[in-house]
C-alpha atoms as a PDB file:
ATOM      1  CA  MET A   1     -32.793  -1.164 -11.620  1.00  0.00           C
ATOM      2  CA  GLN A   2     -31.560  -4.563 -10.482  1.00  0.00           C
ATOM      3  CA  HIS A   3     -28.072  -4.724  -9.067  1.00  0.00           C
ATOM      4  CA  GLN A   4     -26.063  -7.735  -7.981  1.00  0.00           C
ATOM      5  CA  GLY A   5     -22.500  -8.686  -7.203  1.00  0.00           C
ATOM      6  CA  ARG A   6     -22.170  -8.070  -3.483  1.00  0.00           C
ATOM      7  CA  ASP A   7     -21.310 -10.765  -0.942  1.00  0.00           C
ATOM      8  CA  GLU A   8     -24.245 -11.168   1.399  1.00  0.00           C
ATOM      9  CA  PHE A   9     -24.112 -12.845   4.810  1.00  0.00           C
ATOM     10  CA  ALA A  10     -27.369 -13.951   6.399  1.00  0.00           C
ATOM     11  CA  ASP A  11     -27.961 -12.989  10.017  1.00  0.00           C
ATOM     12  CA  GLN A  12     -27.109 -15.706  12.524  1.00  0.00           C
ATOM     13  CA  ASP A  13     -28.869 -16.677  15.745  1.00  0.00           C
ATOM     14  CA  GLN A  14     -26.371 -15.317  18.256  1.00  0.00           C
ATOM     15  CA  GLN A  15     -27.965 -16.901  21.310  1.00  0.00           C
ATOM     16  CA  GLU A  16     -27.928 -20.358  19.733  1.00  0.00           C
ATOM     17  CA  GLN A  17     -24.231 -19.926  19.007  1.00  0.00           C
ATOM     18  CA  ARG A  18     -23.543 -18.896  22.619  1.00  0.00           C
ATOM     19  CA  ASN A  19     -25.525 -21.842  23.974  1.00  0.00           C
ATOM     20  CA  ARG A  20     -23.546 -24.305  21.855  1.00  0.00           C
ATOM     21  CA  LEU A  21     -20.300 -22.700  22.980  1.00  0.00           C
ATOM     22  CA  ALA A  22     -21.250 -22.926  26.661  1.00  0.00           C
ATOM     23  CA  GLN A  23     -22.383 -26.544  26.450  1.00  0.00           C
ATOM     24  CA  CYS A  24     -19.729 -28.097  24.219  1.00  0.00           C
ATOM     25  CA  GLY A  25     -16.935 -28.477  26.783  1.00  0.00           C
ATOM     26  CA  HIS A  26     -14.367 -28.742  23.998  1.00  0.00           C
ATOM     27  CA  HIS A  27     -12.300 -25.647  24.674  1.00  0.00           C
ATOM     28  CA  ARG A  28      -9.453 -27.753  26.120  1.00  0.00           C
ATOM     29  CA  LEU A  29      -9.105 -30.337  23.361  1.00  0.00           C
ATOM     30  CA  SER A  30      -5.320 -30.600  23.264  1.00  0.00           C
ATOM     31  CA  PRO A  31      -2.267 -28.325  23.602  1.00  0.00           C
ATOM     32  CA  ALA A  32      -2.116 -28.047  19.816  1.00  0.00           C
ATOM     33  CA  VAL A  33      -5.719 -26.957  19.333  1.00  0.00           C
ATOM     34  CA  VAL A  34      -6.529 -23.262  19.440  1.00  0.00           C
ATOM     35  CA  CYS A  35      -9.168 -22.435  22.030  1.00  0.00           C
ATOM     36  CA  GLY A  36     -12.408 -21.310  20.439  1.00  0.00           C
ATOM     37  CA  ARG A  37     -13.945 -19.932  23.614  1.00  0.00           C
ATOM     38  CA  ASP A  38     -13.270 -16.241  23.011  1.00  0.00           C
ATOM     39  CA  ARG A  39     -13.360 -16.225  19.234  1.00  0.00           C
ATOM     40  CA  VAL A  40     -15.987 -14.060  17.575  1.00  0.00           C
ATOM     41  CA  GLY A  41     -16.502 -13.973  13.811  1.00  0.00           C
ATOM     42  CA  ARG A  42     -19.200 -13.154  11.315  1.00  0.00           C
ATOM     43  CA  SER A  43     -21.570 -15.700  12.818  1.00  0.00           C
ATOM     44  CA  GLY A  44     -20.780 -15.071  16.466  1.00  0.00           C
ATOM     45  CA  PRO A  45     -18.857 -17.138  19.009  1.00  0.00           C
ATOM     46  CA  SER A  46     -18.678 -20.900  18.623  1.00  0.00           C
ATOM     47  CA  CYS A  47     -16.478 -23.799  19.524  1.00  0.00           C
ATOM     48  CA  ILE A  48     -14.113 -24.768  16.731  1.00  0.00           C
ATOM     49  CA  ALA A  49     -14.574 -28.460  17.568  1.00  0.00           C
ATOM     50  CA  CYS A  50     -18.357 -28.552  17.249  1.00  0.00           C
ATOM     51  CA  PRO A  51     -20.203 -28.683  13.939  1.00  0.00           C
ATOM     52  CA  PRO A  52     -21.515 -26.601  12.343  1.00  0.00           C
ATOM     53  CA  VAL A  53     -18.129 -24.931  12.440  1.00  0.00           C
ATOM     54  CA  SER A  54     -18.061 -21.139  12.556  1.00  0.00           C
ATOM     55  CA  TRP A  55     -14.893 -20.330  10.659  1.00  0.00           C
ATOM     56  CA  VAL A  56     -12.847 -17.530  12.198  1.00  0.00           C
ATOM     57  CA  ILE A  57      -9.400 -16.308  11.241  1.00  0.00           C
ATOM     58  CA  GLY A  58      -6.985 -13.907  12.836  1.00  0.00           C
ATOM     59  CA  GLN A  59      -8.895 -13.382  16.075  1.00  0.00           C
ATOM     60  CA  GLU A  60      -7.100 -13.241  19.399  1.00  0.00           C
ATOM     61  CA  CYS A  61      -7.208 -16.303  21.620  1.00  0.00           C
ATOM     62  CA  ASN A  62      -6.383 -16.149  25.340  1.00  0.00           C
ATOM     63  CA  ASP A  63      -5.566 -19.821  25.817  1.00  0.00           C
ATOM     64  CA  PHE A  64      -2.981 -20.701  23.179  1.00  0.00           C
ATOM     65  CA  ASN A  65       0.088 -21.830  25.118  1.00  0.00           C
ATOM     66  CA  GLY A  66      -0.644 -19.181  27.758  1.00  0.00           C
ATOM     67  CA  ARG A  67      -0.192 -16.146  25.530  1.00  0.00           C
ATOM     68  CA  ARG A  68      -2.333 -13.960  23.314  1.00  0.00           C
ATOM     69  CA  GLN A  69      -1.712 -14.147  19.609  1.00  0.00           C
ATOM     70  CA  ARG A  70      -3.504 -14.069  16.288  1.00  0.00           C
ATOM     71  CA  VAL A  71      -3.865 -17.541  14.861  1.00  0.00           C
ATOM     72  CA  LEU A  72      -5.486 -19.545  12.110  1.00  0.00           C
ATOM     73  CA  CYS A  73      -6.648 -22.888  13.415  1.00  0.00           C
ATOM     74  CA  LEU A  74      -6.206 -25.731  10.964  1.00  0.00           C
ATOM     75  CA  ASP A  75      -7.566 -28.345  13.341  1.00  0.00           C
ATOM     76  CA  PRO A  76      -8.676 -31.277  11.158  1.00  0.00           C
ATOM     77  CA  ALA A  77     -11.138 -32.443  13.815  1.00  0.00           C
ATOM     78  CA  ALA A  78     -12.892 -29.085  13.603  1.00  0.00           C
ATOM     79  CA  ILE A  79     -12.703 -28.820   9.835  1.00  0.00           C
ATOM     80  CA  PHE A  80     -13.931 -32.320   9.050  1.00  0.00           C
ATOM     81  CA  ALA A  81     -16.065 -33.205  12.073  1.00  0.00           C
ATOM     82  CA  HIS A  82     -19.320 -32.755  10.184  1.00  0.00           C
ATOM     83  CA  GLN A  83     -18.145 -35.187   7.480  1.00  0.00           C
ATOM     84  CA  GLY A  84     -17.022 -37.943   9.853  1.00  0.00           C
ATOM     85  CA  THR A  85     -13.717 -38.418   8.033  1.00  0.00           C
ATOM     86  CA  LEU A  86     -11.386 -38.469  11.030  1.00  0.00           C
ATOM     87  CA  GLU A  87     -12.781 -41.303  13.136  1.00  0.00           C
ATOM     88  CA  GLY A  88     -10.074 -42.585  15.415  1.00  0.00           C
ATOM     89  CA  GLU A  89      -7.481 -40.075  14.224  1.00  0.00           C
ATOM     90  CA  SER A  90      -5.407 -38.388  16.899  1.00  0.00           C
ATOM     91  CA  LEU A  91      -5.737 -34.679  17.502  1.00  0.00           C
ATOM     92  CA  GLU A  92      -1.945 -34.537  17.677  1.00  0.00           C
ATOM     93  CA  SER A  93      -2.003 -34.120  13.871  1.00  0.00           C
ATOM     94  CA  THR A  94      -3.340 -30.612  14.477  1.00  0.00           C
ATOM     95  CA  PHE A  95      -1.140 -27.664  13.592  1.00  0.00           C
ATOM     96  CA  CYS A  96      -1.558 -23.914  13.638  1.00  0.00           C
ATOM     97  CA  ILE A  97      -0.383 -21.189  11.276  1.00  0.00           C
ATOM     98  CA  GLU A  98       0.014 -17.530  12.185  1.00  0.00           C
ATOM     99  CA  PRO A  99      -0.540 -14.918   9.469  1.00  0.00           C
ATOM    100  CA  VAL A 100       2.721 -13.056   8.883  1.00  0.00           C
ATOM    101  CA  GLY A 101       0.922 -10.196   7.169  1.00  0.00           C
ATOM    102  CA  ARG A 102      -2.159  -8.871   5.420  1.00  0.00           C
ATOM    103  CA  VAL A 103      -2.842  -7.736   1.869  1.00  0.00           C
ATOM    104  CA  ARG A 104      -3.971  -4.215   1.107  1.00  0.00           C
ATOM    105  CA  SER A 105      -5.697  -4.706  -2.233  1.00  0.00           C
ATOM    106  CA  PRO A 106      -8.007  -2.724  -4.544  1.00  0.00           C
ATOM    107  CA  PHE A 107     -10.477  -5.628  -4.420  1.00  0.00           C
ATOM    108  CA  ASP A 108     -12.928  -4.966  -1.607  1.00  0.00           C
ATOM    109  CA  GLU A 109     -14.976  -8.138  -2.212  1.00  0.00           C
ATOM    110  CA  LYS A 110     -14.674 -11.548  -3.882  1.00  0.00           C
ATOM    111  CA  PHE A 111     -16.796 -10.673  -6.900  1.00  0.00           C
ATOM    112  CA  ALA A 112     -14.656  -9.685  -9.921  1.00  0.00           C
ATOM    113  CA  VAL A 113     -11.302 -10.576  -8.348  1.00  0.00           C
ATOM    114  CA  PRO A 114      -9.142 -11.977 -11.201  1.00  0.00           C
ATOM    115  CA  ARG A 115      -9.087 -15.755 -11.065  1.00  0.00           C
ATOM    116  CA  GLN A 116      -5.302 -15.883 -11.376  1.00  0.00           C
ATOM    117  CA  PRO A 117      -2.442 -13.480 -10.562  1.00  0.00           C
ATOM    118  CA  GLY A 118      -1.098 -11.231 -13.297  1.00  0.00           C
ATOM    119  CA  LEU A 119      -4.353 -10.948 -15.265  1.00  0.00           C
ATOM    120  CA  ALA A 120      -4.831  -7.394 -13.983  1.00  0.00           C
ATOM    121  CA  PRO A 121      -1.353  -5.780 -13.899  1.00  0.00           C
ATOM    122  CA  SER A 122      -2.876  -2.547 -12.569  1.00  0.00           C
ATOM    123  CA  ALA A 123      -4.108  -4.324  -9.433  1.00  0.00           C
ATOM    124  CA  ILE A 124      -1.452  -2.815  -7.162  1.00  0.00           C
ATOM    125  CA  GLY A 125      -1.363  -3.231  -3.404  1.00  0.00           C
ATOM    126  CA  GLU A 126       0.805  -3.770  -0.354  1.00  0.00           C
ATOM    127  CA  ILE A 127       1.770  -6.614   1.935  1.00  0.00           C
ATOM    128  CA  GLU A 128       1.773  -5.282   5.490  1.00  0.00           C
ATOM    129  CA  PHE A 129       3.631  -7.449   7.983  1.00  0.00           C
ATOM    130  CA  LEU A 130       2.238  -8.204  11.439  1.00  0.00           C
ATOM    131  CA  PRO A 131       4.214  -8.490  14.695  1.00  0.00           C
ATOM    132  CA  PRO A 132       6.508 -10.275  15.347  1.00  0.00           C
ATOM    133  CA  TYR A 133       7.181 -10.629  11.603  1.00  0.00           C
ATOM    134  CA  ASP A 134       7.521  -6.873  11.007  1.00  0.00           C
ATOM    135  CA  ASP A 135      11.261  -6.942  11.590  1.00  0.00           C
ATOM    136  CA  PRO A 136      13.120  -5.244   8.678  1.00  0.00           C
ATOM    137  CA  ALA A 137      15.761  -7.967   8.876  1.00  0.00           C
ATOM    138  CA  MET A 138      13.222 -10.472   7.536  1.00  0.00           C
ATOM    139  CA  VAL A 139      13.000  -8.760   4.114  1.00  0.00           C
ATOM    140  CA  ASP A 140      16.709  -7.982   3.774  1.00  0.00           C
ATOM    141  CA  GLY A 141      17.820  -9.039   0.266  1.00  0.00           C
ATOM    142  CA  LEU A 142      14.304  -9.428  -1.150  1.00  0.00           C
ATOM    143  CA  ALA A 143      14.547  -6.273  -3.290  1.00  0.00           C
ATOM    144  CA  GLY A 144      16.862  -8.106  -5.696  1.00  0.00           C
ATOM    145  CA  PHE A 145      13.972 -10.246  -6.976  1.00  0.00           C
ATOM    146  CA  SER A 146      11.362  -9.153  -9.521  1.00  0.00           C
ATOM    147  CA  HIS A 147       8.546 -11.398  -8.276  1.00  0.00           C
ATOM    148  CA  VAL A 148       7.486 -13.113  -5.061  1.00  0.00           C
ATOM    149  CA  TRP A 149       5.278 -16.042  -4.132  1.00  0.00           C
ATOM    150  CA  LEU A 150       2.495 -15.269  -1.674  1.00  0.00           C
ATOM    151  CA  THR A 151       1.056 -18.145   0.325  1.00  0.00           C
ATOM    152  CA  PHE A 152      -2.302 -17.076   1.695  1.00  0.00           C
ATOM    153  CA  VAL A 153      -5.589 -18.275   3.152  1.00  0.00           C
ATOM    154  CA  PHE A 154      -8.906 -18.167   1.283  1.00  0.00           C
ATOM    155  CA  ASP A 155     -10.516 -16.743   4.419  1.00  0.00           C
ATOM    156  CA  ARG A 156     -13.685 -15.618   2.607  1.00  0.00           C
ATOM    157  CA  CYS A 157     -14.451 -19.257   1.740  1.00  0.00           C
ATOM    158  CA  LEU A 158     -13.945 -20.896   5.136  1.00  0.00           C
ATOM    159  CA  GLU A 159     -17.590 -20.843   6.173  1.00  0.00           C
ATOM    160  CA  GLN A 160     -18.644 -22.667   3.001  1.00  0.00           C
ATOM    161  CA  GLY A 161     -16.283 -25.592   3.542  1.00  0.00           C
ATOM    162  CA  TRP A 162     -14.168 -27.534   1.061  1.00  0.00           C
ATOM    163  CA  ARG A 163     -15.338 -29.828  -1.730  1.00  0.00           C
ATOM    164  CA  THR A 164     -14.057 -33.007  -3.343  1.00  0.00           C
ATOM    165  CA  ARG A 165     -15.193 -31.893  -6.809  1.00  0.00           C
ATOM    166  CA  VAL A 166     -15.497 -28.401  -8.254  1.00  0.00           C
ATOM    167  CA  ARG A 167     -16.604 -26.708 -11.488  1.00  0.00           C
ATOM    168  CA  PRO A 168     -13.743 -24.600 -12.911  1.00  0.00           C
ATOM    169  CA  PRO A 169     -14.773 -21.442 -14.795  1.00  0.00           C
ATOM    170  CA  ARG A 170     -12.386 -22.423 -17.604  1.00  0.00           C
ATOM    171  CA  LEU A 171     -14.658 -25.410 -18.301  1.00  0.00           C
ATOM    172  CA  GLY A 172     -17.780 -23.280 -18.457  1.00  0.00           C
ATOM    173  CA  GLY A 173     -18.787 -23.694 -14.843  1.00  0.00           C
ATOM    174  CA  ASN A 174     -20.748 -26.902 -15.505  1.00  0.00           C
ATOM    175  CA  THR A 175     -18.057 -29.603 -15.828  1.00  0.00           C
ATOM    176  CA  GLU A 176     -16.687 -31.126 -12.633  1.00  0.00           C
ATOM    177  CA  VAL A 177     -13.087 -32.070 -11.845  1.00  0.00           C
ATOM    178  CA  GLY A 178     -11.393 -33.144  -8.636  1.00  0.00           C
ATOM    179  CA  VAL A 179     -10.476 -30.279  -6.354  1.00  0.00           C
ATOM    180  CA  PHE A 180      -6.773 -31.182  -6.593  1.00  0.00           C
ATOM    181  CA  ALA A 181      -7.013 -30.802 -10.392  1.00  0.00           C
ATOM    182  CA  SER A 182      -8.169 -27.210  -9.951  1.00  0.00           C
ATOM    183  CA  ARG A 183      -7.168 -23.858  -8.494  1.00  0.00           C
ATOM    184  CA  SER A 184     -10.464 -23.620  -6.618  1.00  0.00           C
ATOM    185  CA  PRO A 185     -10.480 -21.836  -3.236  1.00  0.00           C
ATOM    186  CA  PHE A 186     -12.772 -24.537  -1.809  1.00  0.00           C
ATOM    187  CA  ARG A 187      -9.909 -26.880  -0.976  1.00  0.00           C
ATOM    188  CA  PRO A 188      -8.674 -28.636   2.171  1.00  0.00           C
ATOM    189  CA  ASN A 189      -6.786 -26.202   4.428  1.00  0.00           C
ATOM    190  CA  PHE A 190      -7.904 -23.294   2.187  1.00  0.00           C
ATOM    191  CA  LEU A 191      -4.339 -22.348   1.231  1.00  0.00           C
ATOM    192  CA  GLY A 192      -3.628 -20.431  -1.966  1.00  0.00           C
ATOM    193  CA  LEU A 193      -0.468 -19.510  -3.865  1.00  0.00           C
ATOM    194  CA  SER A 194       0.060 -16.482  -6.113  1.00  0.00           C
ATOM    195  CA  ALA A 195       3.119 -15.145  -7.924  1.00  0.00           C
ATOM    196  CA  VAL A 196       3.046 -11.336  -8.102  1.00  0.00           C
ATOM    197  CA  ARG A 197       5.399  -8.643  -9.350  1.00  0.00           C
ATOM    198  CA  LEU A 198       7.495  -7.023  -6.626  1.00  0.00           C
ATOM    199  CA  LEU A 199       7.558  -3.277  -7.252  1.00  0.00           C
ATOM    200  CA  SER A 200       9.428  -2.179  -4.152  1.00  0.00           C
ATOM    201  CA  VAL A 201      10.465  -3.162  -0.640  1.00  0.00           C
ATOM    202  CA  ILE A 202       9.977  -0.623   2.136  1.00  0.00           C
ATOM    203  CA  GLU A 203      12.056  -1.602   5.162  1.00  0.00           C
ATOM    204  CA  ARG A 204      11.544   1.320   7.563  1.00  0.00           C
ATOM    205  CA  PRO A 205       9.907   1.985   9.942  1.00  0.00           C
ATOM    206  CA  VAL A 206       8.220  -1.392   9.402  1.00  0.00           C
ATOM    207  CA  PRO A 207       8.633  -3.588   6.320  1.00  0.00           C
ATOM    208  CA  MET A 208       6.040  -3.458   3.553  1.00  0.00           C
ATOM    209  CA  LEU A 209       6.043  -4.895   0.036  1.00  0.00           C
ATOM    210  CA  ARG A 210       4.444  -3.055  -2.874  1.00  0.00           C
ATOM    211  CA  VAL A 211       3.242  -5.587  -5.436  1.00  0.00           C
ATOM    212  CA  ALA A 212       1.313  -5.686  -8.729  1.00  0.00           C
ATOM    213  CA  GLY A 213      -0.902  -8.222 -10.463  1.00  0.00           C
ATOM    214  CA  LEU A 214      -2.830  -9.107  -7.312  1.00  0.00           C
ATOM    215  CA  ASP A 215      -5.713 -11.566  -7.301  1.00  0.00           C
ATOM    216  CA  LEU A 216      -6.492 -11.301  -3.571  1.00  0.00           C
ATOM    217  CA  VAL A 217      -9.293  -9.643  -1.626  1.00  0.00           C
ATOM    218  CA  ASP A 218      -8.314  -6.777   0.651  1.00  0.00           C
ATOM    219  CA  GLY A 219      -7.337  -8.079   4.085  1.00  0.00           C
ATOM    220  CA  THR A 220      -6.423 -11.592   2.933  1.00  0.00           C
ATOM    221  CA  PRO A 221      -4.083 -13.235   5.493  1.00  0.00           C
ATOM    222  CA  ILE A 222      -0.579 -13.938   4.168  1.00  0.00           C
ATOM    223  CA  VAL A 223       1.126 -16.914   5.796  1.00  0.00           C
ATOM    224  CA  ASP A 224       4.392 -16.897   3.822  1.00  0.00           C
ATOM    225  CA  VAL A 225       6.399 -14.789   1.365  1.00  0.00           C
ATOM    226  CA  ARG A 226       9.270 -16.167  -0.681  1.00  0.00           C
ATOM    227  CA  PRO A 227      11.137 -15.043  -3.815  1.00  0.00           C
ATOM    228  CA  TYR A 228      10.237 -16.311  -7.271  1.00  0.00           C
ATOM    229  CA  VAL A 229      13.357 -17.982  -8.695  1.00  0.00           C
ATOM    230  CA  PRO A 230      13.068 -18.347 -12.504  1.00  0.00           C
ATOM    231  CA  TYR A 231      15.440 -21.283 -13.016  1.00  0.00           C
ATOM    232  CA  ALA A 232      13.591 -23.363 -10.436  1.00  0.00           C
ATOM    233  CA  ASP A 233      10.022 -22.071 -10.720  1.00  0.00           C
ATOM    234  CA  ALA A 234       9.594 -21.624 -14.494  1.00  0.00           C
ATOM    235  CA  ILE A 235       9.135 -24.913 -16.383  1.00  0.00           C
ATOM    236  CA  ALA A 236       9.418 -24.334 -20.126  1.00  0.00           C
ATOM    237  CA  ASP A 237       7.783 -27.580 -21.315  1.00  0.00           C
ATOM    238  CA  ALA A 238       4.964 -27.664 -18.737  1.00  0.00           C
ATOM    239  CA  HIS A 239       1.412 -28.545 -19.771  1.00  0.00           C
ATOM    240  CA  GLY A 240      -1.605 -26.811 -18.270  1.00  0.00           C
ATOM    241  CA  GLY A 241      -4.333 -29.393 -18.840  1.00  0.00           C
ATOM    242  CA  PHE A 242      -7.700 -27.739 -19.461  1.00  0.00           C
ATOM    243  CA  ALA A 243      -6.131 -24.338 -18.594  1.00  0.00           C
ATOM    244  CA  ASP A 244      -3.182 -24.504 -20.988  1.00  0.00           C
ATOM    245  CA  ASP A 245      -3.756 -21.033 -22.475  1.00  0.00           C
ATOM    246  CA  GLN A 246      -3.921 -17.717 -20.654  1.00  0.00           C
ATOM    247  CA  PRO A 247      -7.457 -16.273 -20.601  1.00  0.00           C
ATOM    248  CA  LYS A 248      -7.964 -13.607 -23.226  1.00  0.00           C
ATOM    249  CA  ALA A 249     -10.143 -10.527 -23.009  1.00  0.00           C
ATOM    250  CA  VAL A 250     -13.647 -11.594 -23.931  1.00  0.00           C
ATOM    251  CA  CYS A 251     -15.338  -8.183 -23.770  1.00  0.00           C
ATOM    252  CA  ALA A 252     -14.500  -4.737 -25.060  1.00  0.00           C
ATOM    253  CA  VAL A 253     -14.931  -2.211 -22.244  1.00  0.00           C
ATOM    254  CA  ARG A 254     -16.397   1.220 -22.889  1.00  0.00           C
ATOM    255  CA  PHE A 255     -17.493   4.035 -20.575  1.00  0.00           C
ATOM    256  CA  SER A 256     -20.798   5.882 -20.721  1.00  0.00           C
ATOM    257  CA  ASP A 257     -20.823   9.684 -20.663  1.00  0.00           C
ATOM    258  CA  GLU A 258     -21.818   9.581 -16.992  1.00  0.00           C
ATOM    259  CA  ALA A 259     -19.015   7.141 -16.157  1.00  0.00           C
ATOM    260  CA  ARG A 260     -16.448   9.336 -17.937  1.00  0.00           C
ATOM    261  CA  ARG A 261     -17.604  12.327 -15.906  1.00  0.00           C
ATOM    262  CA  ASP A 262     -17.361  10.255 -12.734  1.00  0.00           C
ATOM    263  CA  LEU A 263     -13.866   9.117 -13.709  1.00  0.00           C
ATOM    264  CA  ARG A 264     -12.580  12.658 -14.224  1.00  0.00           C
ATOM    265  CA  ALA A 265     -13.538  13.485 -10.643  1.00  0.00           C
ATOM    266  CA  HIS A 266     -10.896  11.089  -9.296  1.00  0.00           C
ATOM    267  CA  ALA A 267      -7.251  12.098  -8.878  1.00  0.00           C
ATOM    268  CA  ASP A 268      -6.137   8.615  -9.940  1.00  0.00           C
ATOM    269  CA  ALA A 269      -8.388   8.551 -13.015  1.00  0.00           C
ATOM    270  CA  ASP A 270      -5.836   6.966 -15.373  1.00  0.00           C
ATOM    271  CA  GLU A 271      -4.876   4.180 -12.972  1.00  0.00           C
ATOM    272  CA  LEU A 272      -8.507   3.550 -12.046  1.00  0.00           C
ATOM    273  CA  ARG A 273      -9.558   3.328 -15.682  1.00  0.00           C
ATOM    274  CA  CYS A 274      -6.836   0.762 -16.417  1.00  0.00           C
ATOM    275  CA  LEU A 275      -7.862  -1.336 -13.419  1.00  0.00           C
ATOM    276  CA  ILE A 276     -11.538  -1.274 -14.395  1.00  0.00           C
ATOM    277  CA  GLU A 277     -10.745  -2.249 -17.985  1.00  0.00           C
ATOM    278  CA  GLU A 278      -8.431  -5.102 -16.973  1.00  0.00           C
ATOM    279  CA  VAL A 279     -10.980  -6.544 -14.548  1.00  0.00           C
ATOM    280  CA  LEU A 280     -14.130  -6.193 -16.632  1.00  0.00           C
ATOM    281  CA  CYS A 281     -12.674  -7.264 -19.991  1.00  0.00           C
ATOM    282  CA  LEU A 282     -12.482 -10.819 -18.608  1.00  0.00           C
ATOM    283  CA  ASP A 283     -16.240 -10.780 -17.833  1.00  0.00           C
ATOM    284  CA  PRO A 284     -16.161 -11.562 -14.105  1.00  0.00           C
ATOM    285  CA  ARG A 285     -19.687 -12.977 -14.039  1.00  0.00           C
ATOM    286  CA  PRO A 286     -19.942 -16.671 -13.129  1.00  0.00           C
ATOM    287  CA  ALA A 287     -19.469 -18.718 -16.291  1.00  0.00           C
ATOM    288  CA  TYR A 288     -22.910 -20.295 -16.042  1.00  0.00           C
ATOM    289  CA  ARG A 289     -24.555 -16.840 -15.879  1.00  0.00           C
ATOM    290  CA  ARG A 290     -22.994 -15.474 -19.038  1.00  0.00           C
ATOM    291  CA  GLY A 291     -25.582 -14.877 -21.708  1.00  0.00           C
ATOM    292  CA  ALA A 292     -28.379 -14.585 -19.152  1.00  0.00           C
ATOM    293  CA  GLU A 293     -30.180 -11.424 -18.045  1.00  0.00           C
ATOM    294  CA  PRO A 294     -28.596  -9.047 -20.579  1.00  0.00           C
ATOM    295  CA  ASN A 295     -30.262  -5.964 -19.074  1.00  0.00           C
ATOM    296  CA  ARG A 296     -29.019  -6.496 -15.537  1.00  0.00           C
ATOM    297  CA  THR A 297     -26.723  -3.893 -14.019  1.00  0.00           C
ATOM    298  CA  TYR A 298     -23.881  -5.311 -11.943  1.00  0.00           C
ATOM    299  CA  GLY A 299     -21.801  -3.665  -9.266  1.00  0.00           C
ATOM    300  CA  VAL A 300     -18.272  -4.294  -8.095  1.00  0.00           C
ATOM    301  CA  ALA A 301     -16.260  -2.602  -5.344  1.00  0.00           C
ATOM    302  CA  LEU A 302     -12.884  -1.569  -6.769  1.00  0.00           C
ATOM    303  CA  ALA A 303     -10.333   0.642  -5.023  1.00  0.00           C
ATOM    304  CA  GLY A 304     -12.971   2.064  -2.721  1.00  0.00           C
ATOM    305  CA  ARG A 305     -15.407   2.877  -5.533  1.00  0.00           C
ATOM    306  CA  ASP A 306     -18.701   1.335  -6.542  1.00  0.00           C
ATOM    307  CA  VAL A 307     -18.375   0.534 -10.248  1.00  0.00           C
ATOM    308  CA  ARG A 308     -21.690  -0.129 -12.024  1.00  0.00           C
ATOM    309  CA  TRP A 309     -21.656  -1.932 -15.366  1.00  0.00           C
ATOM    310  CA  ARG A 310     -23.710  -4.048 -17.730  1.00  0.00           C
ATOM    311  CA  VAL A 311     -23.106  -6.423 -20.616  1.00  0.00           C
ATOM    312  CA  ASP A 312     -24.606  -6.123 -24.091  1.00  0.00           C
ATOM    313  CA  ASP A 313     -23.797  -7.350 -27.586  1.00  0.00           C
ATOM    314  CA  ALA A 314     -21.018  -4.757 -27.922  1.00  0.00           C
ATOM    315  CA  GLY A 315     -19.245  -5.812 -24.714  1.00  0.00           C
ATOM    316  CA  VAL A 316     -19.157  -4.247 -21.257  1.00  0.00           C
ATOM    317  CA  GLU A 317     -20.408  -0.724 -20.633  1.00  0.00           C
ATOM    318  CA  VAL A 318     -19.395   1.026 -17.420  1.00  0.00           C
ATOM    319  CA  VAL A 319     -22.405   3.161 -16.518  1.00  0.00           C
ATOM    320  CA  ALA A 320     -21.301   4.830 -13.265  1.00  0.00           C
ATOM    321  CA  ILE A 321     -18.373   5.093 -10.838  1.00  0.00           C
ATOM    322  CA  LEU A 322     -19.599   6.049  -7.386  1.00  0.00           C
ATOM    323  CA  HIS A 323     -18.225   6.531  -3.916  1.00  0.00           C
ATOM    324  CA  PRO A 324     -19.922   3.964  -1.621  1.00  0.00           C
END
């Protein structure tokens, strides 16, 4: 049985990465540039100033203003060096952003994450704040709001780089538009913005936000949280271009006998069933793959389970719900 849907990372040549790091001599670029010397990510250590860039987020750096901290480097020289777009530009335009928190989400991988917030109301998770932003005083008064904006980093897309033109799923995955006319994650600086429902604010012992309608992968770095203010943020006569209408369910979701037995074995069976239905009814396959390979079984990691499913003329059938 064929099975696809997992993110796969090819093995990297670690020694080549170490050699480039040792030879580059760029670990003291400027006071504003985060040192890449001690950073280790999926593809091993590398200098952030030398292409090909090995994107790393949230690792500790020993040489940032003489203190250890977790940082996201948004150094344009590092990000664009391989494209030659910053010739003659000063490195003083560099800036750094620290994650203020992390998302705890039911989505363990990119595949099948809703493409916009609110499409899966049962996608419930938490925002856990990191030091020094875990001070309860920083969320005082937030409980009076029903929704919050989350500014985050598309950290799972950093290694692939940004693009000038993208193919939005709403246009079938084959029509290109400019990246700034899209909500694509492959954008300069890799920043995203989602409005989610605020269920509760936990202030002690450390602050945590419980939210619903998430469209973020587990562990996504959060760089800002702010309240959604209806009079300022909701625009009644706004137009949405090619995405003017909210996506509707395109597939009926049913469960095989085996999947129903699997579901009953979980204490959170009702919540899990709702989450699976909300995610799969939108057909999370890439738009250009829809209609192809009708007998293929797909897999998606949801809430710590391995959900197996396939698509046929009647819709989506969940065939198994397994523990990884």
